[in-house]
Amino acid sequence: MFLKQQLLNITLPPNARRYHPDLVRWCIEFYCRSPAAYEHIRASDVLTLPSPTTIKRYRNFIKPQPGINQMSLDEIERVSTSVSELVGFLTLDEMKIKENLVMKDNKLVGFVDLDYSGADLSNDIATHVLVFYVRTVKRKVSLPIAWYPTKVTPAPALALIFWKILLECESRGLQIHAVIADGMATNRQFFKLISGKKEISLLEPLHAPNPICPSRPVYLCSDPSHLLKTARNSLFSSKPGGSKYMNRNGKDILWTHVVELYNTDKDMPLLRKTNLSLAHIQLNSCTKVVRHSKLWRQVSNSQSRRLSIVMATKCVY
């Protein structure tokens, strides 16, 4: 399909070209990641791709309004009518944005706006955007369902928004089986509120009741990538002169142990057993925060096994 469309479009003038929806989605993602790289591919004539103006029209087709997006609900309802069962989950996260006020359609945009969720409006300028995203297991649905400009969303407001989104999704045939959030204190309090439990046990699954289907609870999950990143950052701070000191059963857990493993492998490159690099060892403010980076994943179980050998023998190979 892709090659056939490319061969066809290359013979047509720009205003007569048509693109498959899958190609448009890929182009939107490509352009959002790197507009310069996208322009370079188009200018080199390697591929015939939509212009940036076309990409922006597709990207701005849905008018962003705070609250639950009606077009997302309509899409969920459309997909649910074509399948026998639609199983999915919700994710939520807050993203940092630049503080600013913009005049759009005779309205000032940029203030905290959580009135739809039942929380009080304020005159504060928003510093974050809270986004609820819905995905199905087979990716038939994968789209943002609600967003709110905020500063720090309190747990009661998160709970109110969640119950409203759960009702909207379930009433349209989308079965919500789980909610995934990072390990922030606000999200942990949010989990306690909707589960009805005062304390979160680490020995049993945590779930919230589903008023729409009482026999099917909604499981509450912490984002594994955020937990791994947080654990790596805590280990990085556990060192001489650091802000933490970690130990278990009287034995130190220090970042200097990871540095020692890196130096050992660096001295013997032909026999190195890990993927550690200088970027893993010398973290900065960016690599501490960026969650999609591979750096936190590579300080992993294989590295820990290797480290236990090095620390036990004090010699390698």
Protein backbone atom coordinates (compact mmCIF):
# COMPACT_ATOMS: atom_id res chain seq x y z
CA MET A 1 0.00 0.00 0.00
CA PHE A 2 2.73 2.45 0.97
CA LEU A 3 4.86 1.91 -2.14
CA LYS A 4 1.83 1.95 -4.42
CA GLN A 5 0.70 5.27 -2.98
CA GLN A 6 4.19 6.73 -3.22
CA LEU A 7 4.46 5.77 -6.90
CA LEU A 8 1.08 7.35 -7.56
CA ASN A 9 1.66 10.59 -5.65
CA ILE A 10 5.05 11.23 -7.21
CA THR A 11 3.35 11.64 -10.61
CA LEU A 12 0.69 14.05 -9.29
CA PRO A 13 0.89 17.76 -8.50
CA PRO A 14 0.93 18.58 -4.76
CA ASN A 15 -2.70 19.73 -4.66
CA ALA A 16 -3.93 16.44 -6.16
CA ARG A 17 -2.12 14.05 -3.84
CA ARG A 18 -4.03 11.87 -1.39
CA TYR A 19 -2.60 10.01 1.62
CA HIS A 20 -3.68 6.93 3.55
CA PRO A 21 -4.79 7.60 7.17
CA ASP A 22 -2.01 5.37 8.53
CA LEU A 23 0.58 7.42 6.63
CA VAL A 24 -0.94 10.64 7.94
CA ARG A 25 -0.69 9.35 11.54
CA TRP A 26 2.95 8.41 11.00
CA CYS A 27 3.70 11.82 9.47
CA ILE A 28 2.06 13.65 12.38
CA GLU A 29 4.19 11.70 14.86
CA PHE A 30 7.33 12.23 12.77
CA TYR A 31 6.70 15.98 12.43
CA CYS A 32 5.97 16.40 16.16
CA ARG A 33 9.23 14.65 17.06
CA SER A 34 11.41 16.68 14.68
CA PRO A 35 10.03 19.27 12.23
CA ALA A 36 13.56 19.84 10.84
CA ALA A 37 14.07 16.13 10.09
CA TYR A 38 10.62 15.93 8.49
CA GLU A 39 11.38 18.91 6.24
CA HIS A 40 14.74 17.38 5.30
CA ILE A 41 13.07 14.12 4.17
CA ARG A 42 10.52 16.06 2.10
CA ALA A 43 13.15 18.32 0.53
CA SER A 44 15.36 15.36 -0.42
CA ASP A 45 12.49 13.82 -2.47
CA VAL A 46 13.20 10.42 -0.93
CA LEU A 47 9.55 10.18 0.11
CA THR A 48 6.46 12.06 -0.98
CA LEU A 49 4.95 13.31 2.27
CA PRO A 50 2.21 15.80 3.20
CA SER A 51 3.27 19.40 3.66
CA PRO A 52 3.68 20.83 7.19
CA THR A 53 0.54 22.92 6.57
CA THR A 54 -1.45 19.74 5.94
CA ILE A 55 0.03 18.13 9.04
CA LYS A 56 -0.97 21.12 11.17
CA ARG A 57 -4.53 21.04 9.81
CA TYR A 58 -4.87 17.39 10.81
CA ARG A 59 -3.25 18.01 14.20
CA ASN A 60 -5.52 20.98 15.00
CA PHE A 61 -8.71 19.36 13.70
CA ILE A 62 -9.95 18.75 17.26
CA LYS A 63 -10.44 22.06 19.04
CA PRO A 64 -8.80 21.71 22.47
CA GLN A 65 -11.31 22.54 25.18
CA PRO A 66 -10.74 21.70 28.87
CA GLY A 67 -12.80 18.79 30.10
CA ILE A 68 -13.93 15.51 28.56
CA ASN A 69 -13.64 15.62 24.78
CA GLN A 70 -16.89 14.81 23.00
CA MET A 71 -15.17 13.79 19.77
CA SER A 72 -13.16 11.18 21.69
CA LEU A 73 -16.37 9.80 23.18
CA ASP A 74 -17.96 9.65 19.72
CA GLU A 75 -14.95 7.70 18.41
CA ILE A 76 -15.17 5.23 21.31
CA GLU A 77 -18.87 4.72 20.60
CA ARG A 78 -18.20 4.23 16.88
CA VAL A 79 -15.51 1.59 17.48
CA SER A 80 -17.51 -0.24 20.17
CA THR A 81 -20.40 -0.82 17.74
CA SER A 82 -18.10 -2.68 15.33
CA VAL A 83 -16.59 -5.16 17.83
CA SER A 84 -18.07 -7.66 20.25
CA GLU A 85 -15.97 -6.50 23.21
CA LEU A 86 -13.81 -3.45 23.84
CA VAL A 87 -11.35 -3.82 26.74
CA GLY A 88 -9.15 -0.91 27.76
CA PHE A 89 -7.50 1.10 30.49
CA LEU A 90 -6.90 4.72 31.51
CA THR A 91 -3.62 6.48 32.04
CA LEU A 92 -3.17 9.91 33.59
CA ASP A 93 -0.25 12.25 33.90
CA GLU A 94 0.60 15.91 34.40
CA MET A 95 2.92 17.64 31.94
CA LYS A 96 4.82 20.87 32.55
CA ILE A 97 3.86 23.75 30.26
CA LYS A 98 5.09 27.29 29.80
CA GLU A 99 3.16 29.78 31.91
CA ASN A 100 1.43 32.26 29.62
CA LEU A 101 -1.89 33.88 28.78
CA VAL A 102 -3.19 33.88 25.21
CA MET A 103 -6.19 35.70 23.76
CA LYS A 104 -8.19 33.26 21.61
CA ASP A 105 -11.75 33.83 20.35
CA ASN A 106 -12.12 36.79 22.71
CA LYS A 107 -11.20 34.59 25.67
CA LEU A 108 -8.09 34.50 27.85
CA VAL A 109 -6.58 31.02 27.77
CA GLY A 110 -3.98 29.88 30.29
CA PHE A 111 -5.72 30.00 33.67
CA VAL A 112 -6.26 26.98 35.92
CA ASP A 113 -9.56 25.42 34.81
CA LEU A 114 -10.88 22.50 36.85
CA ASP A 115 -14.46 23.71 37.19
CA TYR A 116 -15.73 20.84 35.02
CA SER A 117 -14.45 18.37 37.58
CA GLY A 118 -16.16 20.05 40.50
CA ALA A 119 -13.09 21.84 41.86
CA ASP A 120 -12.97 25.58 42.38
CA LEU A 121 -11.79 27.92 39.67
CA SER A 122 -8.93 30.27 40.52
CA ASN A 123 -7.11 33.19 38.97
CA ASP A 124 -3.82 31.29 38.97
CA ILE A 125 -1.98 30.77 35.70
CA ALA A 126 -1.69 27.09 34.83
CA THR A 127 1.75 25.53 35.02
CA HIS A 128 0.76 21.95 34.10
CA VAL A 129 -1.74 20.12 31.94
CA LEU A 130 -3.49 17.09 33.39
CA VAL A 131 -4.26 14.53 30.67
CA PHE A 132 -6.40 11.40 30.83
CA TYR A 133 -5.60 8.98 28.01
CA VAL A 134 -7.61 5.89 27.07
CA ARG A 135 -6.17 2.84 25.31
CA THR A 136 -7.66 -0.51 24.38
CA VAL A 137 -5.73 -3.77 24.58
CA LYS A 138 -5.64 -4.24 20.79
CA ARG A 139 -5.08 -0.50 20.16
CA LYS A 140 -8.41 -0.06 18.36
CA VAL A 141 -8.77 3.05 20.51
CA SER A 142 -5.80 5.13 21.61
CA LEU A 143 -6.57 8.79 22.24
CA PRO A 144 -6.70 11.51 24.89
CA ILE A 145 -10.15 11.65 26.42
CA ALA A 146 -9.82 14.67 28.75
CA TRP A 147 -7.39 17.39 29.73
CA TYR A 148 -7.33 20.21 32.27
CA PRO A 149 -4.96 23.18 32.77
CA THR A 150 -3.86 23.12 36.39
CA LYS A 151 -1.07 23.72 38.86
CA VAL A 152 -1.14 20.64 41.09
CA THR A 153 -4.36 18.68 40.84
CA PRO A 154 -5.55 17.56 44.30
CA ALA A 155 -6.50 13.93 44.81
CA PRO A 156 -10.25 14.64 45.33
CA ALA A 157 -10.38 16.43 41.96
CA LEU A 158 -8.64 13.47 40.29
CA ALA A 159 -11.20 11.14 41.83
CA LEU A 160 -14.14 13.21 40.57
CA ILE A 161 -12.72 13.35 37.04
CA PHE A 162 -12.02 9.61 37.07
CA TRP A 163 -15.58 8.65 38.05
CA LYS A 164 -17.01 10.85 35.29
CA ILE A 165 -14.67 9.42 32.65
CA LEU A 166 -15.38 5.87 33.85
CA LEU A 167 -19.13 6.46 33.46
CA GLU A 168 -18.72 7.95 29.98
CA CYS A 169 -16.52 5.08 28.75
CA GLU A 170 -18.53 2.24 30.27
CA SER A 171 -21.82 3.65 28.99
CA ARG A 172 -20.37 3.55 25.45
CA GLY A 173 -19.25 -0.07 25.61
CA LEU A 174 -15.61 0.44 26.59
CA GLN A 175 -14.72 -1.74 29.58
CA ILE A 176 -12.16 0.00 31.80
CA HIS A 177 -10.10 -2.64 33.61
CA ALA A 178 -7.26 -0.53 35.02
CA VAL A 179 -5.95 2.95 35.80
CA ILE A 180 -2.22 3.63 35.46
CA ALA A 181 -0.45 6.62 37.03
CA ASP A 182 3.03 7.46 38.23
CA GLY A 183 4.12 7.21 41.84
CA MET A 184 3.56 10.83 42.87
CA ALA A 185 2.14 11.42 46.35
CA THR A 186 -1.02 12.95 44.85
CA ASN A 187 -1.63 9.86 42.73
CA ARG A 188 -1.10 7.55 45.70
CA GLN A 189 -3.69 9.56 47.63
CA PHE A 190 -5.97 9.38 44.59
CA PHE A 191 -5.66 5.57 44.60
CA LYS A 192 -6.57 5.48 48.31
CA LEU A 193 -9.64 7.63 47.73
CA ILE A 194 -11.17 5.62 44.90
CA SER A 195 -10.24 2.25 46.45
CA GLY A 196 -11.65 3.21 49.84
CA LYS A 197 -8.54 1.97 51.65
CA LYS A 198 -6.54 3.95 54.20
CA GLU A 199 -3.28 2.15 53.45
CA ILE A 200 -1.93 0.56 50.27
CA SER A 201 -0.72 -2.99 50.75
CA LEU A 202 2.22 -4.23 48.68
CA LEU A 203 1.15 -7.86 49.07
CA GLU A 204 -2.20 -7.79 47.27
CA PRO A 205 -3.61 -6.14 44.13
CA LEU A 206 -5.18 -2.73 44.65
CA HIS A 207 -8.47 -2.09 42.95
CA ALA A 208 -11.42 0.28 43.00
CA PRO A 209 -15.11 -0.68 42.76
CA ASN A 210 -16.79 -0.30 39.38
CA PRO A 211 -20.30 1.13 39.91
CA ILE A 212 -21.29 0.24 36.34
CA CYS A 213 -20.22 -3.42 36.68
CA PRO A 214 -19.69 -4.41 40.35
CA SER A 215 -18.33 -7.86 39.36
CA ARG A 216 -15.46 -6.26 37.42
CA PRO A 217 -13.21 -4.03 39.59
CA VAL A 218 -10.86 -1.40 38.20
CA TYR A 219 -7.26 -2.28 39.08
CA LEU A 220 -4.96 0.56 40.16
CA CYS A 221 -1.40 0.34 38.83
CA SER A 222 1.73 2.44 39.21
CA ASP A 223 3.65 3.19 36.03
CA PRO A 224 6.61 0.73 35.98
CA SER A 225 8.83 3.10 34.00
CA HIS A 226 8.33 5.87 36.55
CA LEU A 227 9.06 3.50 39.45
CA LEU A 228 12.27 2.28 37.81
CA LYS A 229 13.36 5.83 37.03
CA THR A 230 12.65 6.90 40.63
CA ALA A 231 14.59 3.92 42.02
CA ARG A 232 17.54 4.72 39.75
CA ASN A 233 17.52 8.38 40.82
CA SER A 234 17.39 7.38 44.50
CA LEU A 235 20.35 5.08 43.97
CA PHE A 236 22.21 7.93 42.23
CA SER A 237 21.70 10.12 45.32
CA SER A 238 22.97 7.38 47.67
CA LYS A 239 26.70 8.12 47.72
CA PRO A 240 29.28 10.05 49.74
CA GLY A 241 28.16 13.67 49.65
CA GLY A 242 24.75 12.68 48.30
CA SER A 243 21.32 13.40 49.77
CA LYS A 244 20.47 9.78 50.61
CA TYR A 245 22.05 6.77 52.24
CA MET A 246 20.55 3.42 51.25
CA ASN A 247 21.26 0.11 52.92
CA ARG A 248 19.69 -3.29 53.42
CA ASN A 249 20.41 -5.71 56.21
CA GLY A 250 23.32 -3.52 57.26
CA LYS A 251 24.92 -3.52 53.79
CA ASP A 252 25.46 -0.30 51.85
CA ILE A 253 23.67 0.34 48.55
CA LEU A 254 25.69 3.08 46.88
CA TRP A 255 25.96 4.61 43.43
CA THR A 256 29.72 4.24 43.71
CA HIS A 257 29.19 0.50 43.28
CA VAL A 258 27.71 1.12 39.83
CA VAL A 259 30.58 3.49 39.01
CA GLU A 260 33.04 0.78 40.06
CA LEU A 261 31.32 -1.71 37.74
CA TYR A 262 31.50 0.79 34.86
CA ASN A 263 35.21 1.46 35.45
CA THR A 264 35.95 -2.27 35.64
CA ASP A 265 34.27 -2.95 32.29
CA LYS A 266 35.85 0.14 30.70
CA ASP A 267 39.34 -1.12 31.54
CA MET A 268 38.65 -4.42 29.76
CA PRO A 269 36.58 -3.50 26.66
CA LEU A 270 37.05 -6.86 24.91
CA LEU A 271 35.45 -8.70 27.80
CA ARG A 272 32.88 -6.13 28.96
CA LYS A 273 29.67 -7.67 30.22
CA THR A 274 27.38 -4.63 30.59
CA ASN A 275 25.94 -1.85 28.45
CA LEU A 276 26.89 0.91 30.86
CA SER A 277 28.29 4.09 29.35
CA LEU A 278 29.37 7.48 30.70
CA ALA A 279 25.81 8.74 30.16
CA HIS A 280 24.57 6.13 32.66
CA ILE A 281 27.08 7.25 35.29
CA GLN A 282 27.07 11.05 34.95
CA LEU A 283 23.38 11.95 35.16
CA ASN A 284 22.13 15.49 34.59
CA SER A 285 18.82 17.24 35.16
CA CYS A 286 17.51 16.05 31.79
CA THR A 287 18.42 12.35 32.02
CA LYS A 288 17.02 12.24 35.57
CA VAL A 289 13.60 13.35 34.39
CA VAL A 290 13.16 11.98 30.85
CA ARG A 291 11.15 8.79 31.21
CA HIS A 292 11.47 7.42 27.67
CA SER A 293 15.26 7.33 27.93
CA LYS A 294 16.84 3.87 27.99
CA LEU A 295 19.36 4.89 30.64
CA TRP A 296 17.28 3.87 33.66
CA ARG A 297 16.32 0.54 32.08
CA GLN A 298 19.92 -0.43 31.47
CA VAL A 299 20.83 -0.09 35.15
CA SER A 300 18.84 -3.28 35.46
CA ASN A 301 18.77 -6.88 36.67
CA SER A 302 21.63 -7.99 34.40
CA GLN A 303 23.78 -5.18 35.79
CA SER A 304 22.86 -6.13 39.35
CA ARG A 305 23.92 -9.75 38.80
CA ARG A 306 27.17 -8.58 37.29
CA LEU A 307 27.68 -6.16 40.18
CA SER A 308 27.13 -8.91 42.77
CA ILE A 309 29.93 -10.92 41.15
CA VAL A 310 32.30 -7.95 41.11
CA MET A 311 31.57 -6.99 44.72
CA ALA A 312 31.83 -10.59 45.94
CA THR A 313 35.15 -11.39 44.30
CA LYS A 314 36.69 -7.90 43.98
CA CYS A 315 38.15 -9.17 40.72
CA VAL A 316 36.76 -9.69 37.26
CA TYR A 317 37.24 -12.36 34.63
